[in-house]
Amino acid sequence: MASAPGSGRSRADVVTPELVARLTSQVIGGGRTTSTAPLTGETLAELPQATPESVQEDVDTAFDRARAAQPAWADRPVRQRAAVLLRFHDLVLRRQAEALDLIQLETGKTRLHAFEEVLAVAVAARHYGRKASDYLRPKRHTGAIPALTRVTELRQPRGVVGQIAPWNYPLELSVGDALPALLAGNALVMKPDTETALTALWARELLVEAGLPAEVWQVVLGDGPVVGPELVARADYVSFTGSTRTGREVAQQAAARLVGSSLELGGKNAMLVLPDADLGKAAQGALRAAYSSAGQLCVSVERLYVHESVAEDFLARFVAATKAMRLGGSLAYGADMGSLVSQRQLDQVAGHVADAVEQGATVLAGGRARPDVGPLFYEPTILDGVRPGMAVCAEETFGPVVSIYRYATEDEAVELANATPYGLNASVWGRDGRNARRVAARLRAGTVNVNEGYAAAYGSVQSPMGGMGDSGLGRRHGSEGILKYTEAQTVAHQRVLPMAPSLGMSDEAYAEFMTRSLRALKALRFR
């Protein structure tokens, strides 16, 4: 596997002291911490953070500021709030080079994979900017007594949303989730991951430039176990993206306070290659599905099921394409795969591969760290002969490793794909679109892509995206992605006659009248 040429630009060219000072000027926390650049291992920035000693006061301050600012923001008409998102959309596209540099420096991913985040955020901003008025508008419903009971369903903001964002998609999974929460009229207190905080802070700065009142979005940095519980303890609703283990803790803490939460958690996603698949396209699709952002995205494919009749032909193509991939950390387009984000991720990936090989699995491609390219690079890897009992078989690797399995029948493929507690994303490849969609509908996953790995479903922002089983609760995107940040309120206005005996009617006469009315309403097909 070759390495891609560099661009000549460095960390110092992008992350200047002036930039760090500007982005962190409103971050709450008297402690200090540093972030590092995965591509080189050098210090990226010194950042303020909440410490164990200061965290309660720091988080209190953030929530106090957000609560003070929220009512005025919620009082703005929805169209005015939506206009902020549409201006933000234009700013992100216009200044995307800044975002790409920061994303690459903080995560180590390639520029093309960083651009996926710009795309996702712009699409979400456009969608909610255009559709929020429809999603949030008051809705009229048939009342208890038609014509006499006027019923309106309102959508009220929850108040202050607490958001815990991960490191792997620092633009999309920070501001992408913040946009609908803010547009619904809430304020926001966010804890982005410290290692990728600059990207989230850059997005906040652009949203303020687009017209968001600065106090409405507060940021507290610090270690997850320190800041996270304090944030959940004060929020009116919690949005969390991260591991299943931590997600359970967040859900339990929120539920104890009778506070709602949405959780996008882990995955062990499957790709099915049907016997009629276009194998060339499927092999290229598997590259994107397994190795985008070095496999460090929740919807990436880690299990690849191929029909036995086409397995050898598919593998010849997939292995050759994987071995031809170019590794690189340049702040420019050109590399096919970038770096892992941390030593912890590198150790987990290497550990899963080593465990599988020790138990008899075969490495068809990759299987090595590449310190010659950068301190945290690991080759895109294909494993064959993976069996139950190997860590890579059932546990989420969250790296550029995919295991190959062969199947004989469609029923077997579906059963194997569903044999996991996770249910986030899946992929089905076949020329017969109707049959491929039928197979897709049998898979236990929140999103299923046909002839694509993950981007088709994720990019279709009018439709819900989220997980089943251990992959989480709730959905982002579409109506569910914004209505979850609201409380439904029913206002029922009773006119002329009360919901009780009136006009001298006895209780018995009232009961008889209402019985006849109910029968009539059913006959007239009222709902």
Protein backbone atom coordinates (compact mmCIF):
# COMPACT_ATOMS: atom_id res chain seq x y z
CA MET A 1 0.00 0.00 0.00
CA ALA A 2 1.48 3.28 -1.14
CA SER A 3 1.39 6.60 0.64
CA ALA A 4 -0.07 9.69 -0.98
CA PRO A 5 2.05 12.80 -1.58
CA GLY A 6 1.88 15.65 0.91
CA SER A 7 0.59 19.17 0.46
CA GLY A 8 3.39 21.08 2.18
CA ARG A 9 1.00 22.73 4.64
CA SER A 10 1.37 22.10 8.37
CA ARG A 11 -0.47 22.34 11.66
CA ALA A 12 1.15 25.71 12.38
CA ASP A 13 -0.30 27.14 9.17
CA VAL A 14 -3.85 26.32 10.29
CA VAL A 15 -4.10 26.18 14.08
CA THR A 16 -2.62 29.55 14.96
CA PRO A 17 -2.63 30.97 18.51
CA GLU A 18 -5.07 33.62 17.30
CA LEU A 19 -7.51 30.99 16.02
CA VAL A 20 -7.39 28.99 19.25
CA ALA A 21 -7.87 32.11 21.37
CA ARG A 22 -10.84 33.22 19.27
CA LEU A 23 -12.60 29.86 19.22
CA THR A 24 -12.13 29.16 22.92
CA SER A 25 -12.92 32.65 24.20
CA GLN A 26 -16.36 31.63 25.46
CA VAL A 27 -15.55 28.07 26.56
CA ILE A 28 -16.22 27.61 30.25
CA GLY A 29 -13.54 26.05 32.46
CA GLY A 30 -10.54 27.19 34.42
CA GLY A 31 -8.42 24.09 33.85
CA ARG A 32 -6.17 23.46 30.88
CA THR A 33 -5.65 20.49 28.61
CA THR A 34 -3.96 19.83 25.28
CA SER A 35 -5.10 18.10 22.11
CA THR A 36 -2.79 16.35 19.67
CA ALA A 37 -2.74 15.87 15.90
CA PRO A 38 -3.11 12.16 15.02
CA LEU A 39 -1.30 12.64 11.72
CA THR A 40 1.96 13.67 13.39
CA GLY A 41 1.58 13.23 17.15
CA GLU A 42 2.47 16.88 17.78
CA THR A 43 0.52 19.14 20.12
CA LEU A 44 -2.38 20.76 18.32
CA ALA A 45 -3.82 23.22 20.83
CA GLU A 46 -4.09 24.10 24.51
CA LEU A 47 -7.72 24.30 25.56
CA PRO A 48 -9.69 25.35 28.63
CA GLN A 49 -11.55 22.59 30.44
CA ALA A 50 -13.65 21.88 33.50
CA THR A 51 -11.77 20.01 36.21
CA PRO A 52 -13.18 17.64 38.85
CA GLU A 53 -12.92 20.50 41.34
CA SER A 54 -14.66 23.09 39.13
CA VAL A 55 -17.05 21.02 37.04
CA GLN A 56 -20.22 21.64 39.04
CA GLU A 57 -19.71 25.39 39.00
CA ASP A 58 -18.66 25.38 35.35
CA VAL A 59 -21.67 23.36 34.18
CA ASP A 60 -23.99 25.46 36.38
CA THR A 61 -22.66 28.60 34.70
CA ALA A 62 -23.23 27.14 31.23
CA PHE A 63 -26.81 26.15 32.02
CA ASP A 64 -27.58 29.44 33.74
CA ARG A 65 -26.44 31.35 30.66
CA ALA A 66 -28.32 29.06 28.30
CA ARG A 67 -31.55 29.22 30.33
CA ALA A 68 -31.39 33.00 30.45
CA ALA A 69 -31.00 33.22 26.68
CA GLN A 70 -33.48 30.52 25.66
CA PRO A 71 -36.85 32.31 26.06
CA ALA A 72 -35.97 35.19 23.75
CA TRP A 73 -34.62 32.78 21.16
CA ALA A 74 -37.78 30.63 21.38
CA ASP A 75 -39.94 33.74 21.00
CA ARG A 76 -38.51 34.40 17.56
CA PRO A 77 -40.75 33.16 14.74
CA VAL A 78 -39.66 29.80 13.34
CA ARG A 79 -38.88 31.38 9.98
CA GLN A 80 -36.42 33.76 11.59
CA ARG A 81 -34.66 30.90 13.34
CA ALA A 82 -34.66 28.93 10.09
CA ALA A 83 -33.05 31.84 8.26
CA VAL A 84 -30.04 31.48 10.58
CA LEU A 85 -29.58 27.91 9.36
CA LEU A 86 -29.84 28.89 5.72
CA ARG A 87 -27.17 31.57 6.18
CA PHE A 88 -25.05 29.01 8.04
CA HIS A 89 -25.44 26.64 5.07
CA ASP A 90 -23.87 29.24 2.78
CA LEU A 91 -21.07 30.05 5.22
CA VAL A 92 -20.09 26.39 5.61
CA LEU A 93 -19.84 25.87 1.86
CA ARG A 94 -17.99 29.16 1.34
CA ARG A 95 -15.46 28.51 4.10
CA GLN A 96 -15.23 24.74 3.81
CA ALA A 97 -11.43 24.79 3.42
CA GLU A 98 -11.14 25.96 7.03
CA ALA A 99 -13.38 23.14 8.20
CA LEU A 100 -11.53 20.53 6.14
CA ASP A 101 -8.17 21.58 7.58
CA LEU A 102 -9.44 21.41 11.15
CA ILE A 103 -11.24 18.08 10.68
CA GLN A 104 -8.15 16.52 9.13
CA LEU A 105 -5.81 17.84 11.79
CA GLU A 106 -8.06 16.73 14.66
CA THR A 107 -9.12 13.31 13.32
CA GLY A 108 -6.43 12.27 10.84
CA LYS A 109 -8.97 11.41 8.14
CA THR A 110 -8.48 12.16 4.45
CA ARG A 111 -9.75 15.36 2.91
CA LEU A 112 -12.44 13.54 0.93
CA HIS A 113 -13.73 11.85 4.07
CA ALA A 114 -13.65 15.20 5.85
CA PHE A 115 -15.68 16.65 2.98
CA GLU A 116 -18.42 14.11 3.76
CA GLU A 117 -18.96 16.03 6.99
CA VAL A 118 -19.29 19.34 5.15
CA LEU A 119 -21.82 17.74 2.83
CA ALA A 120 -23.84 16.24 5.68
CA VAL A 121 -23.98 19.49 7.65
CA ALA A 122 -24.93 21.60 4.63
CA VAL A 123 -27.70 19.17 3.66
CA ALA A 124 -29.09 19.11 7.22
CA ALA A 125 -28.98 22.92 7.47
CA ARG A 126 -30.80 23.29 4.15
CA HIS A 127 -33.40 20.65 5.01
CA TYR A 128 -34.33 21.99 8.43
CA GLY A 129 -34.04 25.56 7.22
CA ARG A 130 -36.68 24.82 4.59
CA LYS A 131 -38.87 22.26 6.41
CA ALA A 132 -38.87 23.42 10.04
CA SER A 133 -41.97 25.58 9.59
CA ASP A 134 -43.89 22.52 8.41
CA TYR A 135 -42.53 20.27 11.15
CA LEU A 136 -43.22 22.75 13.95
CA ARG A 137 -46.38 24.49 12.78
CA PRO A 138 -49.54 24.13 14.91
CA LYS A 139 -51.70 21.25 13.70
CA ARG A 140 -55.49 21.10 13.86
CA HIS A 141 -57.12 17.83 14.93
CA THR A 142 -60.69 16.61 15.12
CA GLY A 143 -62.01 17.31 18.60
CA ALA A 144 -64.02 15.17 20.99
CA ILE A 145 -67.24 16.69 19.64
CA PRO A 146 -66.75 17.73 16.00
CA ALA A 147 -67.50 21.42 15.39
CA LEU A 148 -67.80 22.06 19.13
CA THR A 149 -64.29 21.04 20.25
CA ARG A 150 -61.46 22.89 18.53
CA VAL A 151 -58.12 21.13 19.10
CA THR A 152 -54.65 22.40 18.23
CA GLU A 153 -51.39 20.52 18.71
CA LEU A 154 -48.47 22.82 19.53
CA ARG A 155 -44.77 22.02 19.67
CA GLN A 156 -43.00 23.62 22.61
CA PRO A 157 -39.21 23.59 23.02
CA ARG A 158 -37.92 21.43 25.85
CA GLY A 159 -35.68 24.17 27.24
CA VAL A 160 -31.95 23.48 27.39
CA VAL A 161 -30.67 20.45 25.51
CA GLY A 162 -27.52 18.74 26.74
CA GLN A 163 -25.44 17.29 23.92
CA ILE A 164 -22.44 14.98 24.22
CA ALA A 165 -20.68 14.74 20.84
CA PRO A 166 -17.99 12.21 19.79
CA TRP A 167 -14.58 12.63 18.21
CA ASN A 168 -15.00 10.69 14.99
CA TYR A 169 -17.23 13.15 13.07
CA PRO A 170 -16.56 16.41 14.91
CA LEU A 171 -18.46 18.67 12.49
CA GLU A 172 -21.43 16.52 11.52
CA LEU A 173 -22.06 14.94 14.95
CA SER A 174 -21.72 18.25 16.80
CA VAL A 175 -23.44 20.97 14.78
CA GLY A 176 -25.42 18.47 12.71
CA ASP A 177 -27.32 17.44 15.84
CA ALA A 178 -27.32 20.95 17.29
CA LEU A 179 -29.16 22.51 14.32
CA PRO A 180 -32.59 20.90 14.85
CA ALA A 181 -32.34 21.35 18.64
CA LEU A 182 -31.69 25.06 18.23
CA LEU A 183 -34.23 25.51 15.45
CA ALA A 184 -36.90 23.97 17.70
CA GLY A 185 -36.35 26.90 20.07
CA ASN A 186 -34.03 25.29 22.59
CA ALA A 187 -30.76 26.50 23.99
CA LEU A 188 -27.82 24.09 23.99
CA VAL A 189 -25.02 23.07 26.33
CA MET A 190 -22.54 20.87 24.48
CA LYS A 191 -19.61 18.77 25.55
CA PRO A 192 -17.62 17.96 22.40
CA ASP A 193 -14.70 15.56 22.67
CA THR A 194 -11.60 17.50 23.69
CA GLU A 195 -9.46 15.97 20.94
CA THR A 196 -11.76 17.39 18.24
CA ALA A 197 -13.16 20.44 20.01
CA LEU A 198 -11.76 23.03 17.60
CA THR A 199 -13.96 21.80 14.76
CA ALA A 200 -17.11 22.01 16.91
CA LEU A 201 -16.11 25.47 18.13
CA TRP A 202 -15.49 26.60 14.56
CA ALA A 203 -19.02 25.48 13.65
CA ARG A 204 -20.42 27.38 16.62
CA GLU A 205 -18.57 30.51 15.54
CA LEU A 206 -20.07 30.26 12.04
CA LEU A 207 -23.56 29.74 13.42
CA VAL A 208 -23.17 32.85 15.60
CA GLU A 209 -21.95 34.73 12.53
CA ALA A 210 -25.11 33.52 10.77
CA GLY A 211 -27.26 35.12 13.47
CA LEU A 212 -27.51 32.72 16.42
CA PRO A 213 -27.30 34.59 19.76
CA ALA A 214 -23.97 33.51 21.24
CA GLU A 215 -25.39 32.76 24.69
CA VAL A 216 -27.84 30.22 23.26
CA TRP A 217 -25.05 27.69 22.55
CA GLN A 218 -22.73 27.04 25.49
CA VAL A 219 -19.68 24.75 25.42
CA VAL A 220 -17.99 22.96 28.32
CA LEU A 221 -14.87 20.88 27.68
CA GLY A 222 -13.42 18.18 29.90
CA ASP A 223 -13.14 14.45 30.44
CA GLY A 224 -16.32 12.53 29.67
CA PRO A 225 -16.70 10.91 33.11
CA VAL A 226 -16.21 14.34 34.71
CA VAL A 227 -18.43 16.58 32.57
CA GLY A 228 -20.93 14.11 31.13
CA PRO A 229 -22.85 13.19 34.29
CA GLU A 230 -23.07 16.83 35.36
CA LEU A 231 -24.47 17.81 31.97
CA VAL A 232 -27.08 15.01 32.03
CA ALA A 233 -28.03 16.01 35.58
CA ARG A 234 -29.11 19.48 34.41
CA ALA A 235 -30.42 19.03 30.86
CA ASP A 236 -34.07 19.06 29.85
CA TYR A 237 -33.25 16.57 27.10
CA VAL A 238 -30.05 14.67 26.27
CA SER A 239 -28.53 13.93 22.86
CA PHE A 240 -25.65 11.44 23.00
CA THR A 241 -23.52 9.78 20.35
CA GLY A 242 -20.91 7.28 21.50
CA SER A 243 -20.41 3.78 22.84
CA THR A 244 -23.22 1.48 23.87
CA ARG A 245 -21.76 1.10 27.35
CA THR A 246 -21.74 4.83 28.03
CA GLY A 247 -25.10 5.23 26.28
CA ARG A 248 -26.71 2.89 28.80
CA GLU A 249 -25.37 5.03 31.64
CA VAL A 250 -26.67 8.21 30.01
CA ALA A 251 -30.11 6.65 29.45
CA GLN A 252 -30.34 5.44 33.05
CA GLN A 253 -29.36 8.81 34.47
CA ALA A 254 -31.78 10.68 32.20
CA ALA A 255 -34.62 8.24 32.92
CA ALA A 256 -34.12 8.64 36.67
CA ARG A 257 -34.91 12.34 36.18
CA LEU A 258 -37.81 11.59 33.78
CA VAL A 259 -35.86 13.38 31.07
CA GLY A 260 -35.89 12.14 27.48
CA SER A 261 -32.80 11.11 25.54
CA SER A 262 -31.73 10.09 22.07
CA LEU A 263 -28.74 7.80 21.70
CA GLU A 264 -26.79 6.78 18.62
CA LEU A 265 -24.51 4.00 19.79
CA GLY A 266 -22.32 1.24 18.39
CA GLY A 267 -22.72 -1.05 15.42
CA LYS A 268 -21.40 -4.26 13.90
CA ASN A 269 -22.76 -3.55 10.47
CA ALA A 270 -23.18 -6.12 7.71
CA MET A 271 -22.92 -5.94 3.94
CA LEU A 272 -24.58 -8.66 1.84
CA VAL A 273 -23.37 -9.41 -1.69
CA LEU A 274 -26.16 -11.30 -3.48
CA PRO A 275 -25.34 -13.76 -6.28
CA ASP A 276 -26.56 -11.34 -8.99
CA ALA A 277 -24.53 -8.36 -7.73
CA ASP A 278 -22.30 -6.33 -10.03
CA LEU A 279 -19.08 -7.51 -8.40
CA GLY A 280 -16.95 -4.62 -9.61
CA LYS A 281 -19.33 -2.06 -8.14
CA ALA A 282 -19.78 -4.13 -4.99
CA ALA A 283 -16.02 -4.32 -4.43
CA GLN A 284 -15.66 -0.56 -4.79
CA GLY A 285 -18.68 -0.06 -2.54
CA ALA A 286 -17.09 -2.29 0.08
CA LEU A 287 -13.99 -0.08 0.06
CA ARG A 288 -16.09 2.97 0.92
CA ALA A 289 -18.26 1.07 3.39
CA ALA A 290 -15.36 -0.44 5.34
CA TYR A 291 -12.57 2.13 5.10
CA SER A 292 -14.10 5.61 5.05
CA SER A 293 -12.58 7.62 7.91
CA ALA A 294 -10.39 4.55 8.53
CA GLY A 295 -13.48 2.62 9.60
CA GLN A 296 -14.09 5.02 12.48
CA LEU A 297 -17.74 5.72 11.84
CA CYS A 298 -20.70 4.05 13.48
CA VAL A 299 -22.31 3.03 10.17
CA SER A 300 -19.21 1.47 8.58
CA VAL A 301 -19.27 -2.19 7.48
CA GLU A 302 -17.27 -4.70 9.54
CA ARG A 303 -18.97 -7.95 8.40
CA LEU A 304 -19.12 -8.83 4.71
CA TYR A 305 -21.33 -11.76 3.64
CA VAL A 306 -20.76 -12.99 0.07
CA HIS A 307 -22.71 -15.71 -1.74
CA GLU A 308 -20.50 -18.76 -2.20
CA SER A 309 -21.06 -18.81 -5.97
CA VAL A 310 -19.38 -15.40 -6.43
CA ALA A 311 -17.12 -15.26 -3.39
CA GLU A 312 -13.81 -15.95 -5.10
CA ASP A 313 -14.46 -13.53 -7.95
CA PHE A 314 -15.59 -10.82 -5.52
CA LEU A 315 -12.61 -11.38 -3.21
CA ALA A 316 -10.11 -11.16 -6.07
CA ARG A 317 -11.47 -7.72 -6.91
CA PHE A 318 -11.87 -6.53 -3.32
CA VAL A 319 -8.43 -7.69 -2.17
CA ALA A 320 -6.71 -6.10 -5.17
CA ALA A 321 -8.54 -2.81 -4.64
CA THR A 322 -7.73 -2.81 -0.91
CA LYS A 323 -4.03 -3.44 -1.52
CA ALA A 324 -3.95 -0.57 -4.03
CA MET A 325 -5.25 2.01 -1.55
CA ARG A 326 -3.00 4.98 -0.79
CA LEU A 327 -2.46 6.00 2.83
CA GLY A 328 -1.77 9.62 3.60
CA GLY A 329 -2.16 12.54 5.95
CA SER A 330 -1.81 15.47 3.60
CA LEU A 331 -4.06 18.52 3.97
CA ALA A 332 -5.09 18.02 0.37
CA TYR A 333 -7.17 15.65 -1.71
CA GLY A 334 -5.51 12.49 -3.01
CA ALA A 335 -5.18 9.89 -0.24
CA ASP A 336 -7.63 6.98 -0.03
CA MET A 337 -7.43 6.46 3.73
CA GLY A 338 -6.07 8.40 6.65
CA SER A 339 -5.01 7.76 10.21
CA LEU A 340 -6.67 6.37 13.28
CA VAL A 341 -7.41 9.04 15.85
CA SER A 342 -5.56 7.78 18.92
CA GLN A 343 -3.22 5.17 20.32
CA ARG A 344 -6.22 3.58 22.01
CA GLN A 345 -7.91 3.02 18.65
CA LEU A 346 -4.71 1.71 17.11
CA ASP A 347 -4.26 -0.74 19.98
CA GLN A 348 -7.85 -1.97 19.64
CA VAL A 349 -7.54 -2.52 15.89
CA ALA A 350 -4.19 -4.26 16.17
CA GLY A 351 -5.47 -6.35 19.08
CA HIS A 352 -8.53 -7.57 17.18
CA VAL A 353 -6.43 -8.57 14.18
CA ALA A 354 -3.76 -10.29 16.29
CA ASP A 355 -6.38 -12.21 18.27
CA ALA A 356 -8.06 -13.41 15.08
CA VAL A 357 -4.78 -14.52 13.49
CA GLU A 358 -3.72 -16.37 16.64
CA GLN A 359 -6.99 -18.31 16.48
CA GLY A 360 -6.63 -19.25 12.83
CA ALA A 361 -7.94 -16.37 10.74
CA THR A 362 -6.12 -15.43 7.53
CA VAL A 363 -5.09 -11.90 6.56
CA LEU A 364 -5.94 -11.38 2.88
CA ALA A 365 -4.82 -7.74 2.82
CA GLY A 366 -3.29 -5.29 5.27
CA GLY A 367 -2.88 -6.38 8.87
CA ARG A 368 -0.03 -4.02 9.77
CA ALA A 369 0.54 -0.70 11.45
CA ARG A 370 2.34 1.84 9.25
CA PRO A 371 4.50 4.09 11.43
CA ASP A 372 6.45 5.01 8.31
CA VAL A 373 3.39 7.00 7.17
CA GLY A 374 2.39 8.36 10.57
CA PRO A 375 2.23 7.29 14.22
CA LEU A 376 -1.37 6.01 14.12
CA PHE A 377 -1.76 4.61 10.61
CA TYR A 378 -2.97 1.04 10.11
CA GLU A 379 -3.44 -0.65 6.76
CA PRO A 380 -6.96 -1.41 5.49
CA THR A 381 -7.38 -5.04 6.42
CA ILE A 382 -9.41 -8.03 5.19
CA LEU A 383 -9.74 -11.12 7.37
CA ASP A 384 -10.95 -14.54 6.23
CA GLY A 385 -11.77 -17.53 8.40
CA VAL A 386 -13.16 -15.48 11.29
CA ARG A 387 -15.17 -17.61 13.72
CA PRO A 388 -17.28 -17.04 16.86
CA GLY A 389 -15.05 -16.57 19.87
CA MET A 390 -12.72 -14.16 18.09
CA ALA A 391 -13.09 -10.59 19.33
CA VAL A 392 -13.38 -9.25 15.78
CA CYS A 393 -16.36 -11.53 15.11
CA ALA A 394 -18.83 -9.87 17.49
CA GLU A 395 -17.21 -6.78 19.03
CA GLU A 396 -17.14 -3.43 17.29
CA THR A 397 -13.59 -2.83 16.03
CA PHE A 398 -14.14 0.76 14.92
CA GLY A 399 -11.23 0.65 12.54
CA PRO A 400 -10.28 -0.38 8.98
CA VAL A 401 -10.92 -4.10 9.42
CA VAL A 402 -13.57 -6.17 7.64
CA SER A 403 -14.23 -9.91 7.99
CA ILE A 404 -15.38 -12.09 5.07
CA TYR A 405 -18.05 -14.75 5.46
CA ARG A 406 -19.60 -17.00 2.80
CA TYR A 407 -23.23 -18.07 2.70
CA ALA A 408 -25.30 -20.51 0.65
CA THR A 409 -28.88 -19.22 0.83
CA GLU A 410 -30.62 -15.89 1.25
CA ASP A 411 -32.22 -17.06 4.49
CA GLU A 412 -28.78 -17.95 5.85
CA ALA A 413 -27.40 -14.54 4.90
CA VAL A 414 -30.25 -12.73 6.64
CA GLU A 415 -29.93 -14.89 9.73
CA LEU A 416 -26.17 -14.28 9.94
CA ALA A 417 -26.52 -10.54 9.37
CA ASN A 418 -29.13 -10.32 12.14
CA ALA A 419 -27.11 -12.42 14.58
CA THR A 420 -25.90 -9.43 16.61
CA PRO A 421 -27.36 -7.29 19.39
CA TYR A 422 -26.57 -4.24 17.26
CA GLY A 423 -28.82 -2.86 14.54
CA LEU A 424 -27.52 0.41 13.15
CA ASN A 425 -26.80 0.09 9.43
CA ALA A 426 -26.61 -2.54 6.70
CA SER A 427 -25.88 -2.78 2.99
CA VAL A 428 -27.29 -5.07 0.28
CA TRP A 429 -25.86 -5.41 -3.24
CA GLY A 430 -27.75 -6.96 -6.17
CA ARG A 431 -28.80 -6.15 -9.74
CA ASP A 432 -32.44 -7.09 -9.09
CA GLY A 433 -33.48 -4.00 -7.17
CA ARG A 434 -36.86 -5.38 -6.09
CA ASN A 435 -35.26 -8.50 -4.61
CA ALA A 436 -32.47 -6.49 -2.96
CA ARG A 437 -35.04 -4.21 -1.31
CA ARG A 438 -36.98 -7.27 -0.13
CA VAL A 439 -33.82 -8.63 1.49
CA ALA A 440 -33.13 -5.20 2.99
CA ALA A 441 -36.55 -5.17 4.66
CA ARG A 442 -35.67 -8.42 6.46
CA LEU A 443 -32.57 -6.97 8.09
CA ARG A 444 -32.77 -5.69 11.65
CA ALA A 445 -31.13 -2.32 11.18
CA GLY A 446 -32.32 1.28 11.41
CA THR A 447 -30.97 2.08 7.95
CA VAL A 448 -30.31 -0.28 5.04
CA ASN A 449 -28.63 0.84 1.81
CA VAL A 450 -29.10 -0.96 -1.49
CA ASN A 451 -26.06 -0.80 -3.79
CA GLU A 452 -24.40 1.70 -1.44
CA GLY A 453 -22.61 1.30 1.87
CA TYR A 454 -24.04 3.99 4.14
CA ALA A 455 -24.20 7.38 2.43
CA ALA A 456 -27.49 6.95 0.55
CA ALA A 457 -29.54 6.45 3.71
CA TYR A 458 -27.58 8.90 5.85
CA GLY A 459 -27.74 11.60 3.19
CA SER A 460 -31.50 11.24 2.73
CA VAL A 461 -32.22 13.69 5.51
CA GLN A 462 -35.99 13.69 5.14
CA SER A 463 -35.92 10.09 6.41
CA PRO A 464 -35.08 8.99 9.97
CA MET A 465 -31.65 7.60 10.82
CA GLY A 466 -30.83 5.66 13.98
CA GLY A 467 -30.35 2.26 15.53
CA MET A 468 -32.26 -0.74 16.79
CA GLY A 469 -31.26 -2.92 19.73
CA ASP A 470 -27.90 -2.04 21.27
CA SER A 471 -27.35 0.60 18.59
CA GLY A 472 -29.48 3.15 20.38
CA LEU A 473 -32.75 4.97 20.89
CA GLY A 474 -34.41 7.70 18.85
CA ARG A 475 -33.61 9.02 15.41
CA ARG A 476 -31.87 11.96 13.78
CA HIS A 477 -33.02 13.55 10.51
CA GLY A 478 -36.54 14.08 9.20
CA SER A 479 -39.47 14.98 11.39
CA GLU A 480 -38.29 12.73 14.23
CA GLY A 481 -34.92 14.47 14.26
CA ILE A 482 -36.47 17.81 15.25
CA LEU A 483 -39.70 16.83 17.03
CA LYS A 484 -37.72 14.88 19.64
CA TYR A 485 -36.43 18.25 20.84
CA THR A 486 -39.99 19.44 21.51
CA GLU A 487 -42.85 18.69 23.88
CA ALA A 488 -46.26 18.10 22.29
CA GLN A 489 -48.94 20.30 23.81
CA THR A 490 -52.66 19.90 23.12
CA VAL A 491 -54.89 22.97 23.44
CA ALA A 492 -58.60 22.02 23.34
CA HIS A 493 -61.15 24.82 23.15
CA GLN A 494 -64.69 23.66 23.99
CA ARG A 495 -67.43 25.83 22.51
CA VAL A 496 -71.23 26.23 22.98
CA LEU A 497 -71.87 23.06 25.00
CA PRO A 498 -69.78 21.51 27.79
CA MET A 499 -68.53 17.94 27.91
CA ALA A 500 -71.31 17.11 30.39
CA PRO A 501 -75.12 17.02 30.61
CA SER A 502 -76.60 20.42 29.73
CA LEU A 503 -79.80 22.17 28.70
CA GLY A 504 -81.72 20.31 31.39
CA MET A 505 -80.63 16.92 30.12
CA SER A 506 -80.52 14.14 32.73
CA ASP A 507 -77.45 11.97 33.20
CA GLU A 508 -79.24 9.04 31.57
CA ALA A 509 -80.39 11.15 28.63
CA TYR A 510 -76.85 12.48 28.19
CA ALA A 511 -75.42 8.95 28.17
CA GLU A 512 -78.00 7.88 25.56
CA PHE A 513 -77.32 10.96 23.43
CA MET A 514 -73.57 10.36 23.48
CA THR A 515 -74.01 6.66 22.68
CA ARG A 516 -76.05 7.54 19.60
CA SER A 517 -73.48 10.18 18.65
CA LEU A 518 -70.61 7.72 18.85
CA ARG A 519 -72.44 5.27 16.59
CA ALA A 520 -73.16 8.03 14.12
CA LEU A 521 -69.56 9.21 14.08
CA LYS A 522 -68.36 5.67 13.34
CA ALA A 523 -70.91 5.32 10.53
CA LEU A 524 -69.72 8.63 9.08
CA ARG A 525 -66.09 7.33 9.24
CA PHE A 526 -64.85 9.99 11.65
CA ARG A 527 -61.42 9.20 13.02
